[in-house]
Amino acid sequence: MKETPIVKAVQLKASELGWRLYRNNVGRLQAKTGQWVQYGLCVGSSDLIGWRTRVVTPDMVGQPIAQFVAVEVKTDTGTLTEEQIAFLATVRLAGGVAMMVRSEGELR
């Protein structure tokens, strides 16, 4: 299966879980003026970026918060780049949820 249908299936499953994930295309293109324009968060950032709502424990006043989520989608044969590994690790270290999935069933 190609990556795009997997990305869409993962987004649908994430919505069922109450998560909000948005496509994050990363790259650069050359404008008509010849100037290069970069887009996306950063090199290595995940395919899907968003949040899941968490309820803070009573000792933290019980307020809901948005927890950052980064999901890198790969096909059966896809592998993570060093930049993607570093991005996922950085998100985890900061308290976010970061994972690589090959199907919507792998969301956790």
PDB file of N, CA and C in Angstrom:
ATOM      1  N   MET A   1       0.839  -1.186   0.000  1.00  0.00           N
ATOM      2  CA  MET A   1       0.000   0.000   0.000  1.00  0.00           C
ATOM      3  C   MET A   1       0.880   1.245   0.000  1.00  0.00           C
ATOM      4  N   LYS A   2       0.462   2.249  -0.722  1.00  0.00           N
ATOM      5  CA  LYS A   2       1.196   3.517  -0.747  1.00  0.00           C
ATOM      6  C   LYS A   2       0.964   4.264   0.558  1.00  0.00           C
ATOM      7  N   GLU A   3       1.807   5.272   0.799  1.00  0.00           N
ATOM      8  CA  GLU A   3       1.749   5.989   2.074  1.00  0.00           C
ATOM      9  C   GLU A   3       0.496   6.855   2.234  1.00  0.00           C
ATOM     10  N   THR A   4       0.043   7.504   1.182  1.00  0.00           N
ATOM     11  CA  THR A   4      -1.095   8.428   1.296  1.00  0.00           C
ATOM     12  C   THR A   4      -2.352   7.762   1.845  1.00  0.00           C
ATOM     13  N   PRO A   5      -2.763   6.582   1.350  1.00  0.00           N
ATOM     14  CA  PRO A   5      -3.950   5.953   1.943  1.00  0.00           C
ATOM     15  C   PRO A   5      -3.752   5.571   3.412  1.00  0.00           C
ATOM     16  N   ILE A   6      -2.530   5.217   3.784  1.00  0.00           N
ATOM     17  CA  ILE A   6      -2.250   4.890   5.184  1.00  0.00           C
ATOM     18  C   ILE A   6      -2.396   6.147   6.031  1.00  0.00           C
ATOM     19  N   VAL A   7      -1.855   7.261   5.540  1.00  0.00           N
ATOM     20  CA  VAL A   7      -1.955   8.537   6.264  1.00  0.00           C
ATOM     21  C   VAL A   7      -3.422   8.889   6.504  1.00  0.00           C
ATOM     22  N   LYS A   8      -4.255   8.768   5.484  1.00  0.00           N
ATOM     23  CA  LYS A   8      -5.678   9.098   5.620  1.00  0.00           C
ATOM     24  C   LYS A   8      -6.372   8.172   6.611  1.00  0.00           C
ATOM     25  N   ALA A   9      -6.047   6.878   6.569  1.00  0.00           N
ATOM     26  CA  ALA A   9      -6.645   5.919   7.503  1.00  0.00           C
ATOM     27  C   ALA A   9      -6.219   6.220   8.937  1.00  0.00           C
ATOM     28  N   VAL A  10      -4.942   6.600   9.115  1.00  0.00           N
ATOM     29  CA  VAL A  10      -4.440   6.952  10.439  1.00  0.00           C
ATOM     30  C   VAL A  10      -5.153   8.196  10.957  1.00  0.00           C
ATOM     31  N   GLN A  11      -5.357   9.191  10.095  1.00  0.00           N
ATOM     32  CA  GLN A  11      -6.069  10.400  10.512  1.00  0.00           C
ATOM     33  C   GLN A  11      -7.505  10.078  10.953  1.00  0.00           C
ATOM     34  N   LEU A  12      -8.178   9.208  10.220  1.00  0.00           N
ATOM     35  CA  LEU A  12      -9.542   8.834  10.593  1.00  0.00           C
ATOM     36  C   LEU A  12      -9.571   8.124  11.938  1.00  0.00           C
ATOM     37  N   LYS A  13      -8.656   7.178  12.142  1.00  0.00           N
ATOM     38  CA  LYS A  13      -8.580   6.458  13.415  1.00  0.00           C
ATOM     39  C   LYS A  13      -8.256   7.422  14.551  1.00  0.00           C
ATOM     40  N   ALA A  14      -7.339   8.353  14.317  1.00  0.00           N
ATOM     41  CA  ALA A  14      -6.979   9.338  15.328  1.00  0.00           C
ATOM     42  C   ALA A  14      -8.202  10.163  15.735  1.00  0.00           C
ATOM     43  N   SER A  15      -9.027  10.540  14.776  1.00  0.00           N
ATOM     44  CA  SER A  15     -10.247  11.298  15.076  1.00  0.00           C
ATOM     45  C   SER A  15     -11.188  10.484  15.955  1.00  0.00           C
ATOM     46  N   GLU A  16     -11.288   9.181  15.688  1.00  0.00           N
ATOM     47  CA  GLU A  16     -12.124   8.310  16.518  1.00  0.00           C
ATOM     48  C   GLU A  16     -11.613   8.283  17.961  1.00  0.00           C
ATOM     49  N   LEU A  17     -10.304   8.406  18.136  1.00  0.00           N
ATOM     50  CA  LEU A  17      -9.696   8.410  19.470  1.00  0.00           C
ATOM     51  C   LEU A  17      -9.763   9.782  20.137  1.00  0.00           C
ATOM     52  N   GLY A  18     -10.277  10.780  19.402  1.00  0.00           N
ATOM     53  CA  GLY A  18     -10.354  12.136  19.934  1.00  0.00           C
ATOM     54  C   GLY A  18      -9.097  12.952  19.707  1.00  0.00           C
ATOM     55  N   TRP A  19      -8.192  12.435  18.877  1.00  0.00           N
ATOM     56  CA  TRP A  19      -6.963  13.156  18.547  1.00  0.00           C
ATOM     57  C   TRP A  19      -7.229  14.044  17.347  1.00  0.00           C
ATOM     58  N   ARG A  20      -6.424  15.074  17.164  1.00  0.00           N
ATOM     59  CA  ARG A  20      -6.482  15.929  15.978  1.00  0.00           C
ATOM     60  C   ARG A  20      -5.097  15.923  15.340  1.00  0.00           C
ATOM     61  N   LEU A  21      -5.001  15.320  14.163  1.00  0.00           N
ATOM     62  CA  LEU A  21      -3.721  15.238  13.463  1.00  0.00           C
ATOM     63  C   LEU A  21      -3.843  15.887  12.090  1.00  0.00           C
ATOM     64  N   TYR A  22      -2.856  16.686  11.745  1.00  0.00           N
ATOM     65  CA  TYR A  22      -2.839  17.404  10.479  1.00  0.00           C
ATOM     66  C   TYR A  22      -1.614  17.002   9.673  1.00  0.00           C
ATOM     67  N   ARG A  23      -1.780  16.956   8.365  1.00  0.00           N
ATOM     68  CA  ARG A  23      -0.689  16.579   7.463  1.00  0.00           C
ATOM     69  C   ARG A  23       0.388  17.646   7.512  1.00  0.00           C
ATOM     70  N   ASN A  24       1.615  17.203   7.634  1.00  0.00           N
ATOM     71  CA  ASN A  24       2.765  18.103   7.672  1.00  0.00           C
ATOM     72  C   ASN A  24       3.720  17.717   6.545  1.00  0.00           C
ATOM     73  N   ASN A  25       3.538  18.318   5.399  1.00  0.00           N
ATOM     74  CA  ASN A  25       4.464  18.079   4.293  1.00  0.00           C
ATOM     75  C   ASN A  25       5.719  18.913   4.510  1.00  0.00           C
ATOM     76  N   VAL A  26       6.857  18.308   4.303  1.00  0.00           N
ATOM     77  CA  VAL A  26       8.132  18.999   4.507  1.00  0.00           C
ATOM     78  C   VAL A  26       8.915  18.961   3.198  1.00  0.00           C
ATOM     79  N   GLY A  27       9.481  20.082   2.844  1.00  0.00           N
ATOM     80  CA  GLY A  27      10.299  20.124   1.638  1.00  0.00           C
ATOM     81  C   GLY A  27      10.619  21.550   1.253  1.00  0.00           C
ATOM     82  N   ARG A  28      10.988  21.706   0.006  1.00  0.00           N
ATOM     83  CA  ARG A  28      11.231  23.049  -0.511  1.00  0.00           C
ATOM     84  C   ARG A  28      10.956  23.047  -2.002  1.00  0.00           C
ATOM     85  N   LEU A  29      10.622  24.217  -2.488  1.00  0.00           N
ATOM     86  CA  LEU A  29      10.366  24.375  -3.918  1.00  0.00           C
ATOM     87  C   LEU A  29      10.895  25.718  -4.364  1.00  0.00           C
ATOM     88  N   GLN A  30      11.088  25.813  -5.648  1.00  0.00           N
ATOM     89  CA  GLN A  30      11.620  27.057  -6.197  1.00  0.00           C
ATOM     90  C   GLN A  30      10.474  27.897  -6.747  1.00  0.00           C
ATOM     91  N   ALA A  31      10.369  29.113  -6.258  1.00  0.00           N
ATOM     92  CA  ALA A  31       9.336  30.038  -6.710  1.00  0.00           C
ATOM     93  C   ALA A  31       9.684  30.548  -8.111  1.00  0.00           C
ATOM     94  N   LYS A  32       8.731  31.174  -8.767  1.00  0.00           N
ATOM     95  CA  LYS A  32       8.957  31.734 -10.098  1.00  0.00           C
ATOM     96  C   LYS A  32      10.081  32.759 -10.101  1.00  0.00           C
ATOM     97  N   THR A  33      10.304  33.383  -8.932  1.00  0.00           N
ATOM     98  CA  THR A  33      11.365  34.383  -8.817  1.00  0.00           C
ATOM     99  C   THR A  33      12.746  33.754  -8.708  1.00  0.00           C
ATOM    100  N   GLY A  34      12.769  32.406  -8.566  1.00  0.00           N
ATOM    101  CA  GLY A  34      14.040  31.704  -8.411  1.00  0.00           C
ATOM    102  C   GLY A  34      14.426  31.461  -6.963  1.00  0.00           C
ATOM    103  N   GLN A  35      13.697  32.098  -6.062  1.00  0.00           N
ATOM    104  CA  GLN A  35      13.982  31.947  -4.633  1.00  0.00           C
ATOM    105  C   GLN A  35      13.438  30.605  -4.133  1.00  0.00           C
ATOM    106  N   TRP A  36      14.211  29.924  -3.271  1.00  0.00           N
ATOM    107  CA  TRP A  36      13.774  28.658  -2.686  1.00  0.00           C
ATOM    108  C   TRP A  36      12.914  28.936  -1.459  1.00  0.00           C
ATOM    109  N   VAL A  37      11.798  28.229  -1.365  1.00  0.00           N
ATOM    110  CA  VAL A  37      10.861  28.378  -0.259  1.00  0.00           C
ATOM    111  C   VAL A  37      10.753  27.038   0.471  1.00  0.00           C
ATOM    112  N   GLN A  38      11.034  27.056   1.766  1.00  0.00           N
ATOM    113  CA  GLN A  38      10.911  25.847   2.572  1.00  0.00           C
ATOM    114  C   GLN A  38       9.527  25.800   3.196  1.00  0.00           C
ATOM    115  N   TYR A  39       8.973  24.591   3.327  1.00  0.00           N
ATOM    116  CA  TYR A  39       7.667  24.442   3.960  1.00  0.00           C
ATOM    117  C   TYR A  39       7.703  23.239   4.897  1.00  0.00           C
ATOM    118  N   GLY A  40       6.756  23.213   5.823  1.00  0.00           N
ATOM    119  CA  GLY A  40       6.714  22.174   6.838  1.00  0.00           C
ATOM    120  C   GLY A  40       7.415  22.647   8.107  1.00  0.00           C
ATOM    121  N   LEU A  41       7.281  21.860   9.169  1.00  0.00           N
ATOM    122  CA  LEU A  41       7.884  22.261  10.442  1.00  0.00           C
ATOM    123  C   LEU A  41       9.399  22.324  10.365  1.00  0.00           C
ATOM    124  N   CYS A  42      10.028  21.205  10.065  1.00  0.00           N
ATOM    125  CA  CYS A  42      11.489  21.136   9.968  1.00  0.00           C
ATOM    126  C   CYS A  42      11.860  19.813   9.315  1.00  0.00           C
ATOM    127  N   VAL A  43      13.074  19.698   8.860  1.00  0.00           N
ATOM    128  CA  VAL A  43      13.551  18.444   8.287  1.00  0.00           C
ATOM    129  C   VAL A  43      13.446  17.376   9.370  1.00  0.00           C
ATOM    130  N   GLY A  44      12.825  16.255   9.042  1.00  0.00           N
ATOM    131  CA  GLY A  44      12.665  15.166   9.996  1.00  0.00           C
ATOM    132  C   GLY A  44      11.360  15.185  10.754  1.00  0.00           C
ATOM    133  N   SER A  45      10.605  16.294  10.666  1.00  0.00           N
ATOM    134  CA  SER A  45       9.334  16.338  11.391  1.00  0.00           C
ATOM    135  C   SER A  45       8.352  15.335  10.785  1.00  0.00           C
ATOM    136  N   SER A  46       7.451  14.867  11.616  1.00  0.00           N
ATOM    137  CA  SER A  46       6.563  13.760  11.261  1.00  0.00           C
ATOM    138  C   SER A  46       5.493  14.123  10.241  1.00  0.00           C
ATOM    139  N   ASP A  47       4.969  13.084   9.580  1.00  0.00           N
ATOM    140  CA  ASP A  47       3.926  13.247   8.569  1.00  0.00           C
ATOM    141  C   ASP A  47       2.663  13.862   9.152  1.00  0.00           C
ATOM    142  N   LEU A  48       2.329  13.466  10.364  1.00  0.00           N
ATOM    143  CA  LEU A  48       1.122  13.950  11.018  1.00  0.00           C
ATOM    144  C   LEU A  48       1.498  14.606  12.336  1.00  0.00           C
ATOM    145  N   ILE A  49       0.999  15.815  12.528  1.00  0.00           N
ATOM    146  CA  ILE A  49       1.303  16.613  13.715  1.00  0.00           C
ATOM    147  C   ILE A  49      -0.018  17.086  14.314  1.00  0.00           C
ATOM    148  N   GLY A  50      -0.118  17.050  15.619  1.00  0.00           N
ATOM    149  CA  GLY A  50      -1.337  17.543  16.245  1.00  0.00           C
ATOM    150  C   GLY A  50      -1.307  17.359  17.741  1.00  0.00           C
ATOM    151  N   TRP A  51      -2.483  17.007  18.312  1.00  0.00           N
ATOM    152  CA  TRP A  51      -2.580  16.859  19.760  1.00  0.00           C
ATOM    153  C   TRP A  51      -3.654  15.852  20.116  1.00  0.00           C
ATOM    154  N   ARG A  52      -3.583  15.405  21.355  1.00  0.00           N
ATOM    155  CA  ARG A  52      -4.660  14.642  21.968  1.00  0.00           C
ATOM    156  C   ARG A  52      -4.971  15.330  23.290  1.00  0.00           C
ATOM    157  N   THR A  53      -6.227  15.344  23.653  1.00  0.00           N
ATOM    158  CA  THR A  53      -6.632  16.002  24.889  1.00  0.00           C
ATOM    159  C   THR A  53      -6.425  15.046  26.052  1.00  0.00           C
ATOM    160  N   ARG A  54      -5.815  15.548  27.083  1.00  0.00           N
ATOM    161  CA  ARG A  54      -5.586  14.790  28.311  1.00  0.00           C
ATOM    162  C   ARG A  54      -6.196  15.577  29.460  1.00  0.00           C
ATOM    163  N   VAL A  55      -6.721  14.875  30.425  1.00  0.00           N
ATOM    164  CA  VAL A  55      -7.211  15.540  31.626  1.00  0.00           C
ATOM    165  C   VAL A  55      -6.115  15.448  32.671  1.00  0.00           C
ATOM    166  N   VAL A  56      -5.744  16.584  33.159  1.00  0.00           N
ATOM    167  CA  VAL A  56      -4.687  16.672  34.152  1.00  0.00           C
ATOM    168  C   VAL A  56      -5.196  16.075  35.462  1.00  0.00           C
ATOM    169  N   THR A  57      -4.326  15.456  36.203  1.00  0.00           N
ATOM    170  CA  THR A  57      -4.704  14.842  37.474  1.00  0.00           C
ATOM    171  C   THR A  57      -5.168  15.881  38.476  1.00  0.00           C
ATOM    172  N   PRO A  58      -5.922  15.461  39.491  1.00  0.00           N
ATOM    173  CA  PRO A  58      -6.476  16.416  40.465  1.00  0.00           C
ATOM    174  C   PRO A  58      -5.422  17.315  41.107  1.00  0.00           C
ATOM    175  N   ASP A  59      -4.235  16.787  41.336  1.00  0.00           N
ATOM    176  CA  ASP A  59      -3.207  17.637  41.937  1.00  0.00           C
ATOM    177  C   ASP A  59      -2.750  18.734  40.984  1.00  0.00           C
ATOM    178  N   MET A  60      -3.206  18.654  39.725  1.00  0.00           N
ATOM    179  CA  MET A  60      -2.887  19.699  38.750  1.00  0.00           C
ATOM    180  C   MET A  60      -4.154  20.453  38.357  1.00  0.00           C
ATOM    181  N   VAL A  61      -5.130  20.501  39.222  1.00  0.00           N
ATOM    182  CA  VAL A  61      -6.358  21.260  39.100  1.00  0.00           C
ATOM    183  C   VAL A  61      -7.382  20.613  38.159  1.00  0.00           C
ATOM    184  N   GLY A  62      -7.084  19.473  37.551  1.00  0.00           N
ATOM    185  CA  GLY A  62      -8.057  18.768  36.722  1.00  0.00           C
ATOM    186  C   GLY A  62      -8.409  19.430  35.413  1.00  0.00           C
ATOM    187  N   GLN A  63      -7.548  20.275  34.899  1.00  0.00           N
ATOM    188  CA  GLN A  63      -7.818  20.968  33.640  1.00  0.00           C
ATOM    189  C   GLN A  63      -7.380  20.114  32.448  1.00  0.00           C
ATOM    190  N   PRO A  64      -8.179  20.096  31.380  1.00  0.00           N
ATOM    191  CA  PRO A  64      -7.719  19.398  30.185  1.00  0.00           C
ATOM    192  C   PRO A  64      -6.578  20.172  29.519  1.00  0.00           C
ATOM    193  N   ILE A  65      -5.657  19.431  28.962  1.00  0.00           N
ATOM    194  CA  ILE A  65      -4.543  20.042  28.245  1.00  0.00           C
ATOM    195  C   ILE A  65      -4.397  19.361  26.885  1.00  0.00           C
ATOM    196  N   ALA A  66      -3.714  20.016  25.982  1.00  0.00           N
ATOM    197  CA  ALA A  66      -3.406  19.423  24.680  1.00  0.00           C
ATOM    198  C   ALA A  66      -1.990  18.872  24.748  1.00  0.00           C
ATOM    199  N   GLN A  67      -1.852  17.569  24.505  1.00  0.00           N
ATOM    200  CA  GLN A  67      -0.543  16.931  24.487  1.00  0.00           C
ATOM    201  C   GLN A  67      -0.107  16.788  23.031  1.00  0.00           C
ATOM    202  N   PHE A  68       1.086  17.281  22.721  1.00  0.00           N
ATOM    203  CA  PHE A  68       1.606  17.248  21.359  1.00  0.00           C
ATOM    204  C   PHE A  68       1.743  15.810  20.879  1.00  0.00           C
ATOM    205  N   VAL A  69       1.337  15.560  19.630  1.00  0.00           N
ATOM    206  CA  VAL A  69       1.428  14.228  19.034  1.00  0.00           C
ATOM    207  C   VAL A  69       2.130  14.335  17.686  1.00  0.00           C
ATOM    208  N   ALA A  70       3.087  13.440  17.447  1.00  0.00           N
ATOM    209  CA  ALA A  70       3.787  13.349  16.160  1.00  0.00           C
ATOM    210  C   ALA A  70       3.721  11.899  15.697  1.00  0.00           C
ATOM    211  N   VAL A  71       3.177  11.681  14.503  1.00  0.00           N
ATOM    212  CA  VAL A  71       3.059  10.332  13.958  1.00  0.00           C
ATOM    213  C   VAL A  71       3.756  10.292  12.608  1.00  0.00           C
ATOM    214  N   GLU A  72       4.764   9.449  12.504  1.00  0.00           N
ATOM    215  CA  GLU A  72       5.457   9.223  11.239  1.00  0.00           C
ATOM    216  C   GLU A  72       4.846   7.978  10.614  1.00  0.00           C
ATOM    217  N   VAL A  73       4.360   8.091   9.383  1.00  0.00           N
ATOM    218  CA  VAL A  73       3.712   6.979   8.691  1.00  0.00           C
ATOM    219  C   VAL A  73       4.686   6.378   7.690  1.00  0.00           C
ATOM    220  N   LYS A  74       4.800   5.056   7.726  1.00  0.00           N
ATOM    221  CA  LYS A  74       5.673   4.342   6.795  1.00  0.00           C
ATOM    222  C   LYS A  74       4.912   3.184   6.156  1.00  0.00           C
ATOM    223  N   THR A  75       5.300   2.853   4.941  1.00  0.00           N
ATOM    224  CA  THR A  75       4.770   1.656   4.294  1.00  0.00           C
ATOM    225  C   THR A  75       5.455   0.436   4.910  1.00  0.00           C
ATOM    226  N   ASP A  76       5.091  -0.743   4.445  1.00  0.00           N
ATOM    227  CA  ASP A  76       5.698  -1.978   4.972  1.00  0.00           C
ATOM    228  C   ASP A  76       7.213  -1.996   4.845  1.00  0.00           C
ATOM    229  N   THR A  77       7.738  -1.317   3.836  1.00  0.00           N
ATOM    230  CA  THR A  77       9.183  -1.348   3.607  1.00  0.00           C
ATOM    231  C   THR A  77       9.884  -0.044   3.983  1.00  0.00           C
ATOM    232  N   GLY A  78       9.119   0.947   4.411  1.00  0.00           N
ATOM    233  CA  GLY A  78       9.705   2.249   4.732  1.00  0.00           C
ATOM    234  C   GLY A  78      10.547   2.204   5.998  1.00  0.00           C
ATOM    235  N   THR A  79      11.569   3.053   6.052  1.00  0.00           N
ATOM    236  CA  THR A  79      12.431   3.143   7.235  1.00  0.00           C
ATOM    237  C   THR A  79      12.568   4.609   7.650  1.00  0.00           C
ATOM    238  N   LEU A  80      12.832   4.814   8.925  1.00  0.00           N
ATOM    239  CA  LEU A  80      13.012   6.166   9.447  1.00  0.00           C
ATOM    240  C   LEU A  80      14.385   6.710   9.081  1.00  0.00           C
ATOM    241  N   THR A  81      14.433   8.002   8.768  1.00  0.00           N
ATOM    242  CA  THR A  81      15.722   8.664   8.566  1.00  0.00           C
ATOM    243  C   THR A  81      16.287   9.046   9.932  1.00  0.00           C
ATOM    244  N   GLU A  82      17.549   9.393   9.980  1.00  0.00           N
ATOM    245  CA  GLU A  82      18.166   9.843  11.237  1.00  0.00           C
ATOM    246  C   GLU A  82      17.448  11.082  11.770  1.00  0.00           C
ATOM    247  N   GLU A  83      17.061  11.989  10.865  1.00  0.00           N
ATOM    248  CA  GLU A  83      16.352  13.201  11.273  1.00  0.00           C
ATOM    249  C   GLU A  83      14.985  12.868  11.874  1.00  0.00           C
ATOM    250  N   GLN A  84      14.287  11.886  11.300  1.00  0.00           N
ATOM    251  CA  GLN A  84      12.986  11.486  11.823  1.00  0.00           C
ATOM    252  C   GLN A  84      13.118  10.831  13.198  1.00  0.00           C
ATOM    253  N   ILE A  85      14.136  10.002  13.353  1.00  0.00           N
ATOM    254  CA  ILE A  85      14.403   9.377  14.654  1.00  0.00           C
ATOM    255  C   ILE A  85      14.658  10.451  15.702  1.00  0.00           C
ATOM    256  N   ALA A  86      15.458  11.444  15.359  1.00  0.00           N
ATOM    257  CA  ALA A  86      15.785  12.529  16.291  1.00  0.00           C
ATOM    258  C   ALA A  86      14.543  13.341  16.635  1.00  0.00           C
ATOM    259  N   PHE A  87      13.696  13.632  15.643  1.00  0.00           N
ATOM    260  CA  PHE A  87      12.483  14.404  15.898  1.00  0.00           C
ATOM    261  C   PHE A  87      11.558  13.663  16.859  1.00  0.00           C
ATOM    262  N   LEU A  88      11.320  12.379  16.605  1.00  0.00           N
ATOM    263  CA  LEU A  88      10.450  11.580  17.468  1.00  0.00           C
ATOM    264  C   LEU A  88      11.010  11.519  18.895  1.00  0.00           C
ATOM    265  N   ALA A  89      12.316  11.354  19.022  1.00  0.00           N
ATOM    266  CA  ALA A  89      12.946  11.300  20.346  1.00  0.00           C
ATOM    267  C   ALA A  89      12.793  12.625  21.079  1.00  0.00           C
ATOM    268  N   THR A  90      12.936  13.718  20.367  1.00  0.00           N
ATOM    269  CA  THR A  90      12.806  15.053  20.976  1.00  0.00           C
ATOM    270  C   THR A  90      11.387  15.277  21.484  1.00  0.00           C
ATOM    271  N   VAL A  91      10.400  14.871  20.699  1.00  0.00           N
ATOM    272  CA  VAL A  91       9.000  15.011  21.128  1.00  0.00           C
ATOM    273  C   VAL A  91       8.757  14.192  22.394  1.00  0.00           C
ATOM    274  N   ARG A  92       9.249  12.952  22.417  1.00  0.00           N
ATOM    275  CA  ARG A  92       9.075  12.101  23.607  1.00  0.00           C
ATOM    276  C   ARG A  92       9.747  12.722  24.832  1.00  0.00           C
ATOM    277  N   LEU A  93      10.960  13.219  24.655  1.00  0.00           N
ATOM    278  CA  LEU A  93      11.688  13.827  25.775  1.00  0.00           C
ATOM    279  C   LEU A  93      10.950  15.038  26.345  1.00  0.00           C
ATOM    280  N   ALA A  94      10.210  15.730  25.503  1.00  0.00           N
ATOM    281  CA  ALA A  94       9.473  16.913  25.941  1.00  0.00           C
ATOM    282  C   ALA A  94       8.104  16.561  26.534  1.00  0.00           C
ATOM    283  N   GLY A  95       7.757  15.262  26.571  1.00  0.00           N
ATOM    284  CA  GLY A  95       6.485  14.848  27.152  1.00  0.00           C
ATOM    285  C   GLY A  95       5.379  14.614  26.153  1.00  0.00           C
ATOM    286  N   GLY A  96       5.705  14.698  24.868  1.00  0.00           N
ATOM    287  CA  GLY A  96       4.695  14.455  23.844  1.00  0.00           C
ATOM    288  C   GLY A  96       4.601  12.981  23.496  1.00  0.00           C
ATOM    289  N   VAL A  97       3.679  12.667  22.613  1.00  0.00           N
ATOM    290  CA  VAL A  97       3.500  11.314  22.098  1.00  0.00           C
ATOM    291  C   VAL A  97       4.118  11.289  20.715  1.00  0.00           C
ATOM    292  N   ALA A  98       5.024  10.357  20.475  1.00  0.00           N
ATOM    293  CA  ALA A  98       5.686  10.269  19.174  1.00  0.00           C
ATOM    294  C   ALA A  98       5.826   8.804  18.790  1.00  0.00           C
ATOM    295  N   MET A  99       5.435   8.490  17.557  1.00  0.00           N
ATOM    296  CA  MET A  99       5.493   7.094  17.121  1.00  0.00           C
ATOM    297  C   MET A  99       5.597   6.992  15.611  1.00  0.00           C
ATOM    298  N   MET A 100       6.041   5.821  15.191  1.00  0.00           N
ATOM    299  CA  MET A 100       6.037   5.460  13.778  1.00  0.00           C
ATOM    300  C   MET A 100       4.997   4.357  13.632  1.00  0.00           C
ATOM    301  N   VAL A 101       4.129   4.472  12.631  1.00  0.00           N
ATOM    302  CA  VAL A 101       3.101   3.456  12.392  1.00  0.00           C
ATOM    303  C   VAL A 101       3.108   3.033  10.932  1.00  0.00           C
ATOM    304  N   ARG A 102       2.638   1.820  10.709  1.00  0.00           N
ATOM    305  CA  ARG A 102       2.481   1.314   9.346  1.00  0.00           C
ATOM    306  C   ARG A 102       1.007   1.108   9.005  1.00  0.00           C
ATOM    307  N   SER A 103       0.140   1.299  10.011  1.00  0.00           N
ATOM    308  CA  SER A 103      -1.313   1.202   9.795  1.00  0.00           C
ATOM    309  C   SER A 103      -2.029   1.940  10.919  1.00  0.00           C
ATOM    310  N   GLU A 104      -3.318   2.189  10.702  1.00  0.00           N
ATOM    311  CA  GLU A 104      -4.104   2.886  11.717  1.00  0.00           C
ATOM    312  C   GLU A 104      -4.256   2.057  12.986  1.00  0.00           C
ATOM    313  N   GLY A 105      -4.140   0.753  12.852  1.00  0.00           N
ATOM    314  CA  GLY A 105      -4.270  -0.127  14.010  1.00  0.00           C
ATOM    315  C   GLY A 105      -3.132   0.006  15.007  1.00  0.00           C
ATOM    316  N   GLU A 106      -2.048   0.641  14.605  1.00  0.00           N
ATOM    317  CA  GLU A 106      -0.896   0.793  15.482  1.00  0.00           C
ATOM    318  C   GLU A 106      -0.956   2.042  16.357  1.00  0.00           C
ATOM    319  N   LEU A 107      -1.965   2.897  16.167  1.00  0.00           N
ATOM    320  CA  LEU A 107      -2.103   4.085  17.029  1.00  0.00           C
ATOM    321  C   LEU A 107      -2.360   3.634  18.447  1.00  0.00           C
ATOM    322  N   ARG A 108      -1.675   4.254  19.398  1.00  0.00           N
ATOM    323  CA  ARG A 108      -1.875   3.879  20.795  1.00  0.00           C
ATOM    324  C   ARG A 108      -1.763   5.104  21.678  1.00  0.00           C
TER     325      ARG A 108
END
